[in-house]
Amino acid sequence: MKRWECIACGWVYDEEKGHPDSGVAPGTRFEDIPEDWTCPLCGVGKDEFEELT
């Protein structure tokens, strides 16, 4: 599973954990999150995230 970081605020989305508070179940791949989903911390869109290596 991968992790993705918001380049605007540094919040990290972990595919293993998901983000149940915003309706994203654990194990949800980043590319499977709806396109209108936004960063729960700062509100930017998915296009403002980078994969962490």
Protein backbone atom coordinates (compact mmCIF):
# COMPACT_ATOMS: atom_id res chain seq x y z
CA MET A 1 0.00 0.00 0.00
CA LYS A 2 1.16 3.52 -0.77
CA ARG A 3 1.18 6.84 1.06
CA TRP A 4 0.38 10.22 -0.51
CA GLU A 5 1.33 13.64 0.86
CA CYS A 6 -0.59 16.88 0.35
CA ILE A 7 1.94 19.31 -1.09
CA ALA A 8 -0.04 22.25 0.29
CA CYS A 9 -0.09 21.30 3.98
CA GLY A 10 1.86 18.05 4.47
CA TRP A 11 -1.10 15.85 5.53
CA VAL A 12 -0.47 12.22 4.55
CA TYR A 13 -3.08 9.82 3.15
CA ASP A 14 -2.15 6.23 3.98
CA GLU A 15 -3.97 3.71 1.76
CA GLU A 16 -3.74 1.08 4.49
CA LYS A 17 -5.58 3.30 7.00
CA GLY A 18 -7.90 5.14 4.58
CA HIS A 19 -9.75 8.10 6.05
CA PRO A 20 -13.08 6.89 7.48
CA ASP A 21 -13.98 10.40 8.71
CA SER A 22 -14.27 11.51 5.08
CA GLY A 23 -15.87 8.28 3.84
CA VAL A 24 -12.73 6.54 2.58
CA ALA A 25 -12.49 2.98 3.89
CA PRO A 26 -9.17 1.42 4.99
CA GLY A 27 -7.44 -0.26 2.06
CA THR A 28 -8.76 2.23 -0.51
CA ARG A 29 -6.15 3.01 -3.16
CA PHE A 30 -5.61 6.72 -3.76
CA GLU A 31 -6.67 6.44 -7.40
CA ASP A 32 -9.98 4.89 -6.27
CA ILE A 33 -10.94 7.87 -4.09
CA PRO A 34 -13.64 9.99 -5.79
CA GLU A 35 -12.25 12.88 -7.84
CA ASP A 36 -14.17 15.44 -5.77
CA TRP A 37 -12.50 14.32 -2.52
CA THR A 38 -10.38 16.99 -0.85
CA CYS A 39 -7.63 17.05 1.75
CA PRO A 40 -9.32 16.85 5.15
CA LEU A 41 -6.83 19.32 6.62
CA CYS A 42 -6.59 22.13 4.06
CA GLY A 43 -9.24 21.37 1.42
CA VAL A 44 -7.15 21.12 -1.75
CA GLY A 45 -7.98 18.53 -4.41
CA LYS A 46 -6.38 15.19 -5.20
CA ASP A 47 -4.17 16.82 -7.84
CA GLU A 48 -2.22 18.47 -5.00
CA PHE A 49 -0.94 15.13 -3.63
CA GLU A 50 2.35 13.40 -4.37
CA GLU A 51 3.20 9.75 -3.78
CA LEU A 52 5.72 9.23 -1.01
CA THR A 53 8.56 6.84 -1.77
